[in-house]
Amino acid sequence: MKKGLFFALIAAAVVLASCNNTLPQPEQVSVNPSPLEKVGSKVNAKITGTFPQKKFAKKGILIVTPVLKYGDGQEELGEPITYVGEKVKENGKTVNFKEGGKYSQSFACAYKPEMRKCELYLRFQAKVGKKDIEIPDLKVADGMVATSELAEAKDNKTATTPDKFQRVIQELTEADIKFLIQSAELRSSESKSEQVKNLQAAIKDANDAERKEINKIEVAGYASPDGAQDLNERLAQNRQKAAANFLKKGMKKDKVSSEIQSNITAEDWEGFQKAMENSNMQDKDLVLRVLSMYSDPEEREAQIKNLSSVYGTIADEILPALRRSRLILTTDLIGKSDDEIREFMANDPSQLNVEEMLYAATLTQDPDEKLAIYQKAAEQFNDFRAWNGQGQIYFDKGEIAEARRCFAKALEIEPNDPDVNYNAGIAAMADGDLDKAEEHLGKAAGTKGNLNAALGTLYTQKGDYAAAKNAYGDTPSNNAAVQQILNEDYAGAAKTLDAVKEPNATTAYLKAVVGARTNDKDAVYANLKSAIEQDGKLKARAAEDIEFAKFAEEEEFKAIVK
């Protein structure tokens, strides 16, 4: 063998041996999604790549661990995966030395707000045979899209469980004066009945009492639906007059001055039908069928009289009660004025009932004063509405733990109230307790709160953007716009944000996000300025938000977020 050829073979062998004692980083690595994205409460990614040909040592072991680096030196480690060379007997995915192979693994971790600024690396633990090989970390992704966290529970307004306070409560007092057949003579037994005495006393009391007023007094005359129409009209009129004259005498004696309204019903078919329905009379269904079949009064009367088996009972038991005058007093009970309620609330709350006290909370716009009233109502009456009111104040203040405590107390008293369940649901959502939020919102059907919007927020926070879209419908809100952005419906999001009734800093910030995603630089800068003017905390968020990465080096952007 020639000397030169010998040395060439030796050199090739050395090179081959050295190649077979190395372990490579994966190449052509891609991450999906990139940048990373918060979906629900999780961060999930799929990492893929290739191992190059003739570089993965046959006796090599390579353990690959995804590492999310964020914050001040914090790290979140993913599940490691092991790749091995052809001659390794240990468990792992085998990589062919000559052909190379595919690299693939997943990364998942719970999301934390500090992760908005982050980097994803691959970390390697490698050895060939018994020799450890040092391989530097490989950066594979930069940044986190966390726009979904802008769908906030606080965007949903709480539902009020209202008081039942009424300034004026109407009270009815009624009495009947019955007459004999074909007569309008007022009998002493009827005018001195207990019903009539109570009505006369109620008229005097309503006239004299400080917090009562007579709203109206009515006297109606009736005739039973038997006999001739003209006769019945005269009877009804005369019976009304007899009862009204009697009542006027009593009112004059009691020094009550009030008009008496009069009306008559010549043939009381309505009263007849009700009396039949409430009776135990045999064949009453037959009579009721006649009433439904015939509308003409004379035909009705004739058909009923033809029912010889029951007409005698009708004449004895039903018709006498319809020959009457009806006396009706409507009294207005006048409640405490707003000033009186405020005065009692400040100096002697024991003088207020629960409805008055809950109403007192509506007379102020000061949240601390409202809270004090609700606390007093809860102490004095332990009413679920007082606990719910407290919870609403704490929720609006951002004191979510206290809000949840109060809603829980309300549910101990009224566990199925839809408004309290709704409020407990959005409070649980604000606290990150999505399972409990879903449980409460499932019991909130019929709430006065916007249940669909709350469900839309829940689905957005859980990462189910399709369900969120269905839940929101066409109702404009910041949260609805968030799901539209995440569904890449930027035109829809812009339209929704323009329609928000009470736009705030988040509204402007989301408009800037839409601008960034549609390469509208003017919209980005104008809306970011507006958002930060309304809420200075958004400056730090914008500075590290991957949504604005393409503008990060521009001087105008730097000036806004510095």
Protein backbone atom coordinates (compact mmCIF):
# COMPACT_ATOMS: atom_id res chain seq x y z
CA MET A 1 0.00 0.00 0.00
CA LYS A 2 1.23 3.41 -0.81
CA LYS A 3 2.21 5.50 2.16
CA GLY A 4 -0.09 8.44 1.14
CA LEU A 5 -3.14 6.21 0.79
CA PHE A 6 -2.50 4.69 4.21
CA PHE A 7 -2.46 8.09 5.95
CA ALA A 8 -5.63 9.13 4.09
CA LEU A 9 -7.51 6.06 5.38
CA ILE A 10 -6.28 6.73 8.90
CA ALA A 11 -7.51 10.34 8.69
CA ALA A 12 -10.94 9.26 7.40
CA ALA A 13 -11.27 6.75 10.20
CA VAL A 14 -10.44 9.39 12.77
CA VAL A 15 -13.02 11.78 11.29
CA LEU A 16 -15.67 9.02 11.19
CA ALA A 17 -14.88 8.04 14.76
CA SER A 18 -15.10 11.63 15.93
CA CYS A 19 -18.45 12.14 14.13
CA ASN A 20 -19.76 9.05 15.85
CA ASN A 21 -18.96 10.51 19.27
CA THR A 22 -21.06 13.69 19.03
CA LEU A 23 -24.70 14.58 19.68
CA PRO A 24 -26.36 17.41 17.76
CA GLN A 25 -29.03 19.91 18.67
CA PRO A 26 -32.22 19.46 16.65
CA GLU A 27 -32.25 21.52 13.48
CA GLN A 28 -35.01 23.31 11.59
CA VAL A 29 -36.91 23.61 14.87
CA SER A 30 -40.40 25.11 14.74
CA VAL A 31 -42.87 25.82 17.52
CA ASN A 32 -46.64 25.90 17.12
CA PRO A 33 -47.86 28.41 18.09
CA SER A 34 -45.02 30.89 17.87
CA PRO A 35 -45.08 33.17 19.73
CA LEU A 36 -46.59 31.10 22.50
CA GLU A 37 -50.21 31.74 23.45
CA LYS A 38 -52.26 31.65 26.62
CA VAL A 39 -55.34 29.51 25.95
CA GLY A 40 -57.63 29.22 28.92
CA SER A 41 -55.37 28.92 31.95
CA LYS A 42 -52.71 26.94 30.08
CA VAL A 43 -49.78 27.38 27.72
CA ASN A 44 -49.44 24.56 25.21
CA ALA A 45 -46.97 24.19 22.36
CA LYS A 46 -45.82 21.56 19.88
CA ILE A 47 -42.09 21.59 19.09
CA THR A 48 -40.75 19.80 16.00
CA GLY A 49 -37.47 19.57 14.13
CA THR A 50 -34.95 17.13 12.67
CA PHE A 51 -31.69 15.47 13.72
CA PRO A 52 -29.14 15.79 10.90
CA GLN A 53 -27.61 12.82 9.09
CA LYS A 54 -24.44 11.19 10.42
CA LYS A 55 -24.29 13.27 13.59
CA PHE A 56 -26.22 11.36 16.23
CA ALA A 57 -23.70 9.05 17.90
CA LYS A 58 -24.68 5.38 17.85
CA LYS A 59 -23.95 5.16 21.59
CA GLY A 60 -25.41 8.57 22.37
CA ILE A 61 -28.23 9.51 24.75
CA LEU A 62 -29.87 12.92 24.43
CA ILE A 63 -32.50 14.09 26.93
CA VAL A 64 -34.38 17.19 25.71
CA THR A 65 -36.34 19.33 28.16
CA PRO A 66 -38.39 22.40 27.12
CA VAL A 67 -37.75 25.32 29.48
CA LEU A 68 -39.87 28.47 29.63
CA LYS A 69 -37.78 31.34 30.99
CA TYR A 70 -39.64 34.38 32.35
CA GLY A 71 -39.63 37.05 35.01
CA ASP A 72 -36.56 37.49 37.16
CA GLY A 73 -34.78 34.20 36.46
CA GLN A 74 -37.88 32.05 36.82
CA GLU A 75 -38.27 28.85 34.84
CA GLU A 76 -41.04 26.40 34.03
CA LEU A 77 -39.83 22.97 32.92
CA GLY A 78 -41.76 20.81 30.50
CA GLU A 79 -41.76 17.03 30.30
CA PRO A 80 -38.37 15.70 29.06
CA ILE A 81 -38.06 13.28 26.17
CA THR A 82 -35.15 10.91 25.52
CA TYR A 83 -33.54 10.18 22.15
CA VAL A 84 -30.95 7.39 21.81
CA GLY A 85 -28.47 6.17 19.21
CA GLU A 86 -28.71 2.87 17.38
CA LYS A 87 -26.50 0.91 19.80
CA VAL A 88 -28.09 2.14 23.03
CA LYS A 89 -30.19 -0.40 24.93
CA GLU A 90 -31.87 2.10 27.24
CA ASN A 91 -35.43 3.27 26.55
CA GLY A 92 -35.88 6.22 24.24
CA LYS A 93 -36.70 7.17 20.67
CA THR A 94 -34.00 5.80 18.39
CA VAL A 95 -32.24 8.10 15.93
CA ASN A 96 -30.49 6.42 12.97
CA PHE A 97 -26.89 7.61 12.62
CA LYS A 98 -26.79 7.52 8.86
CA GLU A 99 -30.26 8.91 8.09
CA GLY A 100 -30.83 11.15 11.12
CA GLY A 101 -34.42 11.43 12.35
CA LYS A 102 -37.37 13.53 13.37
CA TYR A 103 -37.56 15.43 16.66
CA SER A 104 -40.95 16.13 18.28
CA GLN A 105 -42.24 16.91 21.76
CA SER A 106 -44.91 18.93 23.53
CA PHE A 107 -44.70 21.63 26.15
CA ALA A 108 -47.45 22.56 28.61
CA CYS A 109 -47.62 24.59 31.79
CA ALA A 110 -50.05 26.67 33.81
CA TYR A 111 -50.11 30.31 32.75
CA LYS A 112 -48.87 33.09 35.03
CA PRO A 113 -49.18 36.81 34.21
CA GLU A 114 -45.38 37.21 34.49
CA MET A 115 -45.05 34.94 31.45
CA ARG A 116 -46.24 37.67 29.08
CA LYS A 117 -42.53 38.33 28.55
CA CYS A 118 -40.84 34.98 28.10
CA GLU A 119 -38.61 32.77 25.95
CA LEU A 120 -38.86 29.05 25.24
CA TYR A 121 -35.62 27.06 25.19
CA LEU A 122 -34.60 23.47 24.73
CA ARG A 123 -32.22 22.22 27.41
CA PHE A 124 -30.05 19.17 26.76
CA GLN A 125 -28.54 16.46 28.92
CA ALA A 126 -26.23 14.38 26.71
CA LYS A 127 -23.63 11.65 26.85
CA VAL A 128 -21.91 9.27 24.47
CA GLY A 129 -21.01 6.03 26.17
CA LYS A 130 -19.84 7.14 29.60
CA LYS A 131 -18.76 10.58 28.50
CA ASP A 132 -20.99 13.60 29.25
CA ILE A 133 -21.42 16.04 26.40
CA GLU A 134 -22.14 19.71 27.02
CA ILE A 135 -24.73 21.23 24.66
CA PRO A 136 -25.91 24.84 25.17
CA ASP A 137 -29.61 25.72 25.55
CA LEU A 138 -31.34 26.38 22.25
CA LYS A 139 -33.84 29.24 22.04
CA VAL A 140 -36.85 28.19 19.94
CA ALA A 141 -39.63 30.74 20.66
CA ASP A 142 -39.89 34.31 21.93
CA GLY A 143 -42.84 35.93 23.67
CA MET A 144 -46.39 35.08 24.76
CA VAL A 145 -49.71 36.22 23.30
CA ALA A 146 -51.84 36.78 26.42
CA THR A 147 -54.65 38.83 24.88
CA SER A 148 -57.24 36.35 26.15
CA GLU A 149 -56.66 37.55 29.72
CA LEU A 150 -58.14 40.90 28.70
CA ALA A 151 -61.53 39.13 28.79
CA GLU A 152 -62.14 40.03 32.42
CA ALA A 153 -64.94 39.01 34.75
CA LYS A 154 -65.22 42.63 35.93
CA ASP A 155 -66.49 43.56 32.45
CA ASN A 156 -69.74 41.85 33.53
CA LYS A 157 -71.98 43.97 35.74
CA THR A 158 -73.46 42.35 38.84
CA ALA A 159 -77.20 41.73 39.17
CA THR A 160 -79.21 43.50 41.86
CA THR A 161 -81.80 41.66 43.95
CA PRO A 162 -84.19 44.62 44.37
CA ASP A 163 -86.14 45.77 47.38
CA LYS A 164 -89.94 45.62 47.32
CA PHE A 165 -90.42 49.04 48.83
CA GLN A 166 -93.53 50.86 47.61
CA ARG A 167 -94.21 54.45 48.52
CA VAL A 168 -97.94 53.89 48.05
CA ILE A 169 -99.54 50.51 48.68
CA GLN A 170 -103.15 50.04 47.66
CA GLU A 171 -105.48 48.07 49.90
CA LEU A 172 -108.96 46.82 48.95
CA THR A 173 -111.88 46.41 51.34
CA GLU A 174 -115.07 44.88 49.91
CA ALA A 175 -118.59 44.06 51.08
CA ASP A 176 -121.73 42.66 49.43
CA ILE A 177 -125.30 43.69 50.18
CA LYS A 178 -127.72 41.04 48.94
CA PHE A 179 -131.30 41.65 47.83
CA LEU A 180 -134.36 39.44 47.45
CA ILE A 181 -135.55 38.39 43.99
CA GLN A 182 -136.99 41.30 41.95
CA SER A 183 -136.37 43.68 44.89
CA ALA A 184 -134.11 46.69 45.56
CA GLU A 185 -135.16 47.12 49.19
CA LEU A 186 -132.17 47.34 51.55
CA ARG A 187 -132.78 44.96 54.44
CA SER A 188 -131.50 45.73 57.94
CA SER A 189 -129.84 42.31 58.19
CA GLU A 190 -127.67 43.18 55.18
CA SER A 191 -126.82 46.77 56.14
CA LYS A 192 -125.67 45.63 59.61
CA SER A 193 -123.63 42.66 58.43
CA GLU A 194 -120.03 42.27 59.65
CA GLN A 195 -118.71 42.87 56.11
CA VAL A 196 -120.53 46.20 55.79
CA LYS A 197 -119.49 47.36 59.29
CA ASN A 198 -115.83 46.58 58.48
CA LEU A 199 -116.03 48.53 55.23
CA GLN A 200 -117.56 51.57 56.95
CA ALA A 201 -114.84 51.44 59.61
CA ALA A 202 -112.16 51.20 56.92
CA ILE A 203 -113.55 54.30 55.17
CA LYS A 204 -113.41 56.30 58.42
CA ASP A 205 -109.91 55.05 59.20
CA ALA A 206 -108.61 55.89 55.72
CA ASN A 207 -110.07 59.39 56.07
CA ASP A 208 -108.63 60.02 59.55
CA ALA A 209 -105.26 58.22 59.55
CA GLU A 210 -102.12 60.26 58.85
CA ARG A 211 -100.58 57.80 56.39
CA LYS A 212 -103.78 56.70 54.64
CA GLU A 213 -105.85 58.23 51.86
CA ILE A 214 -109.11 57.23 50.19
CA ASN A 215 -108.26 56.50 46.57
CA LYS A 216 -111.82 55.71 45.47
CA ILE A 217 -115.14 54.28 46.65
CA GLU A 218 -117.25 52.27 44.22
CA VAL A 219 -120.80 50.95 44.49
CA ALA A 220 -121.90 48.52 41.79
CA GLY A 221 -125.43 47.21 41.31
CA TYR A 222 -126.11 43.73 39.89
CA ALA A 223 -129.02 41.60 38.78
CA SER A 224 -128.92 37.85 38.28
CA PRO A 225 -129.14 36.62 34.65
CA ASP A 226 -132.75 35.49 34.80
CA GLY A 227 -135.82 37.45 33.83
CA ALA A 228 -136.33 40.21 31.29
CA GLN A 229 -133.44 42.50 30.32
CA ASP A 230 -135.27 45.78 31.04
CA LEU A 231 -136.38 44.55 34.45
CA ASN A 232 -132.86 43.51 35.34
CA GLU A 233 -131.48 46.90 34.30
CA ARG A 234 -133.92 48.69 36.61
CA LEU A 235 -133.15 46.30 39.46
CA ALA A 236 -129.38 46.79 39.06
CA GLN A 237 -129.77 50.60 39.00
CA ASN A 238 -132.08 50.67 42.02
CA ARG A 239 -129.87 48.31 44.01
CA GLN A 240 -126.83 50.50 43.28
CA LYS A 241 -128.73 53.64 44.38
CA ALA A 242 -130.02 52.01 47.56
CA ALA A 243 -126.53 50.89 48.60
CA ALA A 244 -124.93 54.22 47.63
CA ASN A 245 -127.49 56.25 49.61
CA PHE A 246 -126.94 54.03 52.62
CA LEU A 247 -123.16 54.47 52.37
CA LYS A 248 -123.42 58.26 51.96
CA LYS A 249 -125.41 58.55 55.20
CA GLY A 250 -122.74 56.69 57.10
CA MET A 251 -119.96 58.77 55.53
CA LYS A 252 -121.76 62.01 56.41
CA LYS A 253 -122.07 60.85 60.00
CA ASP A 254 -118.32 60.05 60.09
CA LYS A 255 -117.48 63.38 58.40
CA VAL A 256 -115.97 61.68 55.35
CA SER A 257 -116.11 63.66 52.13
CA SER A 258 -115.48 61.53 49.07
CA GLU A 259 -117.20 60.86 45.78
CA ILE A 260 -118.85 57.50 45.13
CA GLN A 261 -118.32 56.00 41.70
CA SER A 262 -121.24 53.94 40.39
CA ASN A 263 -121.72 51.25 37.76
CA ILE A 264 -124.23 48.49 37.08
CA THR A 265 -124.29 45.01 35.58
CA ALA A 266 -127.80 44.18 34.45
CA GLU A 267 -127.20 40.46 33.95
CA ASP A 268 -124.23 39.13 35.83
CA TRP A 269 -123.15 36.28 33.56
CA GLU A 270 -119.53 36.61 34.68
CA GLY A 271 -120.52 36.19 38.31
CA PHE A 272 -122.78 33.30 37.34
CA GLN A 273 -119.93 31.48 35.57
CA LYS A 274 -117.54 31.94 38.52
CA ALA A 275 -120.17 30.72 40.97
CA MET A 276 -120.80 27.63 38.83
CA GLU A 277 -117.09 26.87 38.52
CA ASN A 278 -116.67 27.07 42.32
CA SER A 279 -119.77 24.99 43.10
CA ASN A 280 -120.03 21.27 43.77
CA MET A 281 -123.24 21.06 41.81
CA GLN A 282 -123.94 17.91 39.83
CA ASP A 283 -123.87 18.47 36.06
CA LYS A 284 -122.13 21.86 36.47
CA ASP A 285 -119.97 21.00 33.45
CA LEU A 286 -123.14 20.79 31.38
CA VAL A 287 -124.13 24.31 32.42
CA LEU A 288 -120.63 25.66 31.73
CA ARG A 289 -120.76 24.08 28.28
CA VAL A 290 -123.97 25.98 27.55
CA LEU A 291 -122.23 29.24 28.57
CA SER A 292 -119.37 28.54 26.17
CA MET A 293 -121.66 27.57 23.29
CA TYR A 294 -124.10 30.52 23.43
CA SER A 295 -123.22 34.20 23.71
CA ASP A 296 -126.73 35.66 23.36
CA PRO A 297 -128.12 36.26 26.90
CA GLU A 298 -131.69 35.21 26.08
CA GLU A 299 -130.52 32.02 24.36
CA ARG A 300 -128.28 31.21 27.31
CA GLU A 301 -131.11 31.68 29.79
CA ALA A 302 -133.48 29.54 27.72
CA GLN A 303 -130.98 26.70 27.35
CA ILE A 304 -130.17 26.70 31.06
CA LYS A 305 -133.85 26.66 32.03
CA ASN A 306 -134.26 23.64 29.74
CA LEU A 307 -131.87 21.76 32.01
CA SER A 308 -134.69 20.86 34.34
CA SER A 309 -132.55 18.46 36.36
CA VAL A 310 -130.26 21.25 37.60
CA TYR A 311 -132.17 24.50 37.17
CA GLY A 312 -133.95 24.17 40.50
CA THR A 313 -130.61 23.95 42.28
CA ILE A 314 -129.28 26.93 40.27
CA ALA A 315 -132.29 29.00 41.30
CA ASP A 316 -131.84 28.10 44.98
CA GLU A 317 -128.04 28.14 45.35
CA ILE A 318 -126.47 30.28 42.60
CA LEU A 319 -128.80 33.08 41.58
CA PRO A 320 -129.59 34.58 45.06
CA ALA A 321 -125.94 35.51 45.60
CA LEU A 322 -125.90 37.46 42.30
CA ARG A 323 -128.74 39.80 43.35
CA ARG A 324 -126.53 42.30 45.10
CA SER A 325 -124.71 45.56 45.39
CA ARG A 326 -120.96 45.46 45.74
CA LEU A 327 -119.17 48.08 47.88
CA ILE A 328 -115.45 48.54 47.15
CA LEU A 329 -113.02 50.81 49.02
CA THR A 330 -109.52 51.41 47.60
CA THR A 331 -107.18 52.84 50.22
CA ASP A 332 -103.69 54.26 49.58
CA LEU A 333 -101.25 53.45 52.37
CA ILE A 334 -98.60 56.19 52.26
CA GLY A 335 -95.09 55.04 53.15
CA LYS A 336 -92.18 57.00 54.59
CA SER A 337 -90.67 59.73 52.45
CA ASP A 338 -87.06 59.56 51.23
CA ASP A 339 -86.06 62.16 53.80
CA GLU A 340 -87.72 60.21 56.60
CA ILE A 341 -85.99 57.01 55.52
CA ARG A 342 -82.61 58.78 55.43
CA GLU A 343 -83.25 60.23 58.88
CA PHE A 344 -84.19 56.87 60.41
CA MET A 345 -81.27 55.17 58.69
CA ALA A 346 -78.87 57.68 60.21
CA ASN A 347 -80.33 57.85 63.71
CA ASP A 348 -82.67 54.94 64.40
CA PRO A 349 -82.55 52.09 61.84
CA SER A 350 -84.76 49.94 64.05
CA GLN A 351 -87.71 52.04 62.87
CA LEU A 352 -87.27 50.74 59.31
CA ASN A 353 -88.50 47.43 57.96
CA VAL A 354 -86.30 45.38 55.65
CA GLU A 355 -87.79 46.79 52.44
CA GLU A 356 -87.34 50.37 53.64
CA MET A 357 -83.75 49.68 54.67
CA LEU A 358 -82.86 48.05 51.36
CA TYR A 359 -84.51 50.97 49.59
CA ALA A 360 -82.35 53.35 51.65
CA ALA A 361 -79.30 51.91 49.88
CA THR A 362 -80.68 53.18 46.57
CA LEU A 363 -80.84 56.76 47.88
CA THR A 364 -77.05 57.21 47.81
CA GLN A 365 -74.36 56.83 45.15
CA ASP A 366 -71.56 56.58 47.72
CA PRO A 367 -70.39 52.91 47.69
CA ASP A 368 -69.16 53.07 51.29
CA GLU A 369 -72.51 54.43 52.47
CA LYS A 370 -74.34 51.76 50.49
CA LEU A 371 -72.11 49.10 52.02
CA ALA A 372 -72.84 50.33 55.55
CA ILE A 373 -76.60 50.19 54.87
CA TYR A 374 -76.41 46.65 53.47
CA GLN A 375 -74.29 45.56 56.44
CA LYS A 376 -76.89 46.97 58.86
CA ALA A 377 -79.71 45.25 56.93
CA ALA A 378 -77.83 41.94 57.07
CA GLU A 379 -77.27 42.36 60.81
CA GLN A 380 -80.87 43.35 61.54
CA PHE A 381 -82.75 41.03 59.15
CA ASN A 382 -80.22 38.53 57.71
CA ASP A 383 -81.89 39.05 54.34
CA PHE A 384 -80.15 37.44 51.36
CA ARG A 385 -80.56 40.67 49.38
CA ALA A 386 -78.51 42.56 51.96
CA TRP A 387 -75.67 40.04 51.58
CA ASN A 388 -75.96 40.23 47.80
CA GLY A 389 -75.76 44.02 47.93
CA GLN A 390 -72.58 43.85 50.00
CA GLY A 391 -71.10 41.41 47.52
CA GLN A 392 -71.86 43.78 44.65
CA ILE A 393 -70.04 46.66 46.36
CA TYR A 394 -66.99 44.51 47.11
CA PHE A 395 -66.95 43.15 43.53
CA ASP A 396 -66.99 46.69 42.11
CA LYS A 397 -64.14 47.61 44.45
CA GLY A 398 -62.10 44.64 43.27
CA GLU A 399 -62.22 42.94 46.69
CA ILE A 400 -63.10 39.59 45.19
CA ALA A 401 -62.54 37.39 48.27
CA GLU A 402 -64.99 39.52 50.29
CA ALA A 403 -67.45 39.55 47.39
CA ARG A 404 -67.39 35.75 47.20
CA ARG A 405 -67.91 35.49 50.99
CA CYS A 406 -70.99 37.71 50.83
CA PHE A 407 -72.49 35.92 47.84
CA ALA A 408 -71.93 32.61 49.64
CA LYS A 409 -73.83 33.95 52.70
CA ALA A 410 -76.69 35.03 50.41
CA LEU A 411 -76.80 31.56 48.85
CA GLU A 412 -76.98 29.94 52.28
CA ILE A 413 -80.33 31.73 52.66
CA GLU A 414 -81.59 31.53 49.04
CA PRO A 415 -79.52 28.83 47.29
CA ASN A 416 -81.50 28.94 44.04
CA ASP A 417 -81.76 32.68 43.51
CA PRO A 418 -80.62 33.26 39.89
CA ASP A 419 -79.20 36.74 40.49
CA VAL A 420 -77.02 35.69 43.42
CA ASN A 421 -75.82 32.62 41.51
CA TYR A 422 -74.96 34.87 38.58
CA ASN A 423 -72.99 37.20 40.86
CA ALA A 424 -71.25 34.30 42.58
CA GLY A 425 -70.35 32.97 39.13
CA ILE A 426 -68.66 36.12 37.87
CA ALA A 427 -66.91 36.59 41.25
CA ALA A 428 -65.55 33.03 41.07
CA MET A 429 -64.41 33.76 37.51
CA ALA A 430 -62.62 36.91 38.69
CA ASP A 431 -60.88 34.74 41.29
CA GLY A 432 -59.73 32.25 38.64
CA ASP A 433 -62.07 29.51 39.94
CA LEU A 434 -63.57 28.61 36.56
CA ASP A 435 -65.15 25.31 37.66
CA LYS A 436 -67.08 27.05 40.44
CA ALA A 437 -67.99 29.86 38.07
CA GLU A 438 -69.49 27.37 35.64
CA GLU A 439 -71.43 25.69 38.47
CA HIS A 440 -73.00 28.96 39.63
CA LEU A 441 -73.76 30.26 36.15
CA GLY A 442 -75.51 26.97 35.44
CA LYS A 443 -78.02 27.94 38.15
CA ALA A 444 -78.49 31.52 36.97
CA ALA A 445 -81.21 31.08 34.32
CA GLY A 446 -83.63 33.99 34.65
CA THR A 447 -81.12 36.39 36.16
CA LYS A 448 -81.37 40.12 35.48
CA GLY A 449 -77.64 40.04 34.73
CA ASN A 450 -76.31 39.39 31.23
CA LEU A 451 -75.89 35.63 31.52
CA ASN A 452 -74.84 35.16 27.89
CA ALA A 453 -72.06 37.72 28.26
CA ALA A 454 -70.86 36.05 31.47
CA LEU A 455 -70.84 32.65 29.77
CA GLY A 456 -68.96 34.17 26.86
CA THR A 457 -66.31 35.45 29.26
CA LEU A 458 -66.12 32.04 30.93
CA TYR A 459 -65.68 30.22 27.63
CA THR A 460 -63.04 32.73 26.53
CA GLN A 461 -61.11 32.21 29.76
CA LYS A 462 -61.38 28.45 29.28
CA GLY A 463 -60.07 28.76 25.71
CA ASP A 464 -63.27 27.64 23.97
CA TYR A 465 -63.52 30.54 21.54
CA ALA A 466 -66.21 28.95 19.36
CA ALA A 467 -68.55 28.54 22.36
CA ALA A 468 -67.69 32.09 23.46
CA LYS A 469 -68.71 33.45 20.07
CA ASN A 470 -72.10 31.71 20.27
CA ALA A 471 -72.67 32.93 23.82
CA TYR A 472 -71.90 36.60 23.15
CA GLY A 473 -74.13 36.90 20.11
CA ASP A 474 -74.35 40.51 18.91
CA THR A 475 -74.03 42.20 22.32
CA PRO A 476 -71.07 44.62 22.14
CA SER A 477 -68.53 44.50 24.97
CA ASN A 478 -64.79 44.44 25.52
CA ASN A 479 -64.95 40.73 26.25
CA ALA A 480 -66.89 39.99 23.07
CA ALA A 481 -64.20 41.86 21.12
CA VAL A 482 -61.48 39.75 22.78
CA GLN A 483 -62.98 36.52 21.43
CA GLN A 484 -63.35 38.10 18.00
CA ILE A 485 -59.65 39.03 18.03
CA LEU A 486 -58.73 35.51 19.10
CA ASN A 487 -60.92 34.16 16.29
CA GLU A 488 -59.07 36.56 13.92
CA ASP A 489 -62.29 38.45 13.10
CA TYR A 490 -60.63 41.85 13.20
CA ALA A 491 -63.35 43.72 11.30
CA GLY A 492 -65.93 42.30 13.72
CA ALA A 493 -63.80 43.25 16.73
CA ALA A 494 -63.39 46.82 15.48
CA LYS A 495 -67.15 47.14 14.97
CA THR A 496 -67.85 45.69 18.43
CA LEU A 497 -65.39 48.04 20.16
CA ASP A 498 -66.92 51.06 18.41
CA ALA A 499 -70.34 49.99 19.75
CA VAL A 500 -69.31 49.53 23.43
CA LYS A 501 -71.67 51.79 25.42
CA GLU A 502 -69.20 52.75 28.14
CA PRO A 503 -65.73 52.55 26.54
CA ASN A 504 -62.79 52.50 28.92
CA ALA A 505 -59.04 51.95 28.93
CA THR A 506 -59.42 48.29 27.97
CA THR A 507 -61.59 49.29 25.01
CA ALA A 508 -58.84 51.57 23.72
CA TYR A 509 -56.13 48.96 24.37
CA LEU A 510 -58.05 46.35 22.39
CA LYS A 511 -58.46 48.83 19.54
CA ALA A 512 -54.66 49.18 19.55
CA VAL A 513 -54.33 45.36 19.37
CA VAL A 514 -56.68 45.28 16.37
CA GLY A 515 -54.58 48.03 14.82
CA ALA A 516 -51.38 46.02 15.37
CA ARG A 517 -52.84 42.88 13.86
CA THR A 518 -54.04 44.78 10.80
CA ASN A 519 -50.83 46.85 10.41
CA ASP A 520 -52.63 50.12 11.14
CA LYS A 521 -49.84 52.07 12.85
CA ASP A 522 -51.95 55.19 13.44
CA ALA A 523 -54.63 53.15 15.22
CA VAL A 524 -51.98 51.50 17.40
CA TYR A 525 -50.44 54.77 18.58
CA ALA A 526 -53.66 56.77 18.98
CA ASN A 527 -55.41 54.06 20.98
CA LEU A 528 -52.40 53.15 23.10
CA LYS A 529 -52.08 56.80 24.13
CA SER A 530 -55.77 56.87 25.05
CA ALA A 531 -55.57 53.59 26.98
CA ILE A 532 -52.54 54.68 29.01
CA GLU A 533 -54.07 58.09 29.76
CA GLN A 534 -57.06 56.29 31.27
CA ASP A 535 -55.06 53.59 33.05
CA GLY A 536 -51.36 54.10 33.61
CA LYS A 537 -50.84 50.42 34.45
CA LEU A 538 -51.30 49.57 30.78
CA LYS A 539 -48.01 51.28 29.91
CA ALA A 540 -45.97 48.42 31.38
CA ARG A 541 -48.18 45.85 29.72
CA ALA A 542 -47.89 47.47 26.31
CA ALA A 543 -44.10 47.69 26.63
CA GLU A 544 -43.79 43.91 26.88
CA ASP A 545 -46.88 42.85 24.92
CA ILE A 546 -45.89 40.65 21.97
CA GLU A 547 -48.89 42.08 20.10
CA PHE A 548 -46.81 45.23 19.53
CA ALA A 549 -43.49 43.53 18.82
CA LYS A 550 -43.21 44.90 15.28
CA PHE A 551 -43.43 48.46 16.65
CA ALA A 552 -41.11 47.98 19.62
CA GLU A 553 -38.08 49.65 18.03
CA GLU A 554 -39.93 52.64 16.66
CA GLU A 555 -39.32 55.92 18.47
CA GLU A 556 -43.00 56.86 18.64
CA PHE A 557 -43.85 53.56 20.33
CA LYS A 558 -40.97 53.95 22.77
CA ALA A 559 -42.15 57.45 23.64
CA ILE A 560 -45.64 56.14 24.49
CA VAL A 561 -44.52 53.28 26.75
CA LYS A 562 -41.38 54.75 28.36
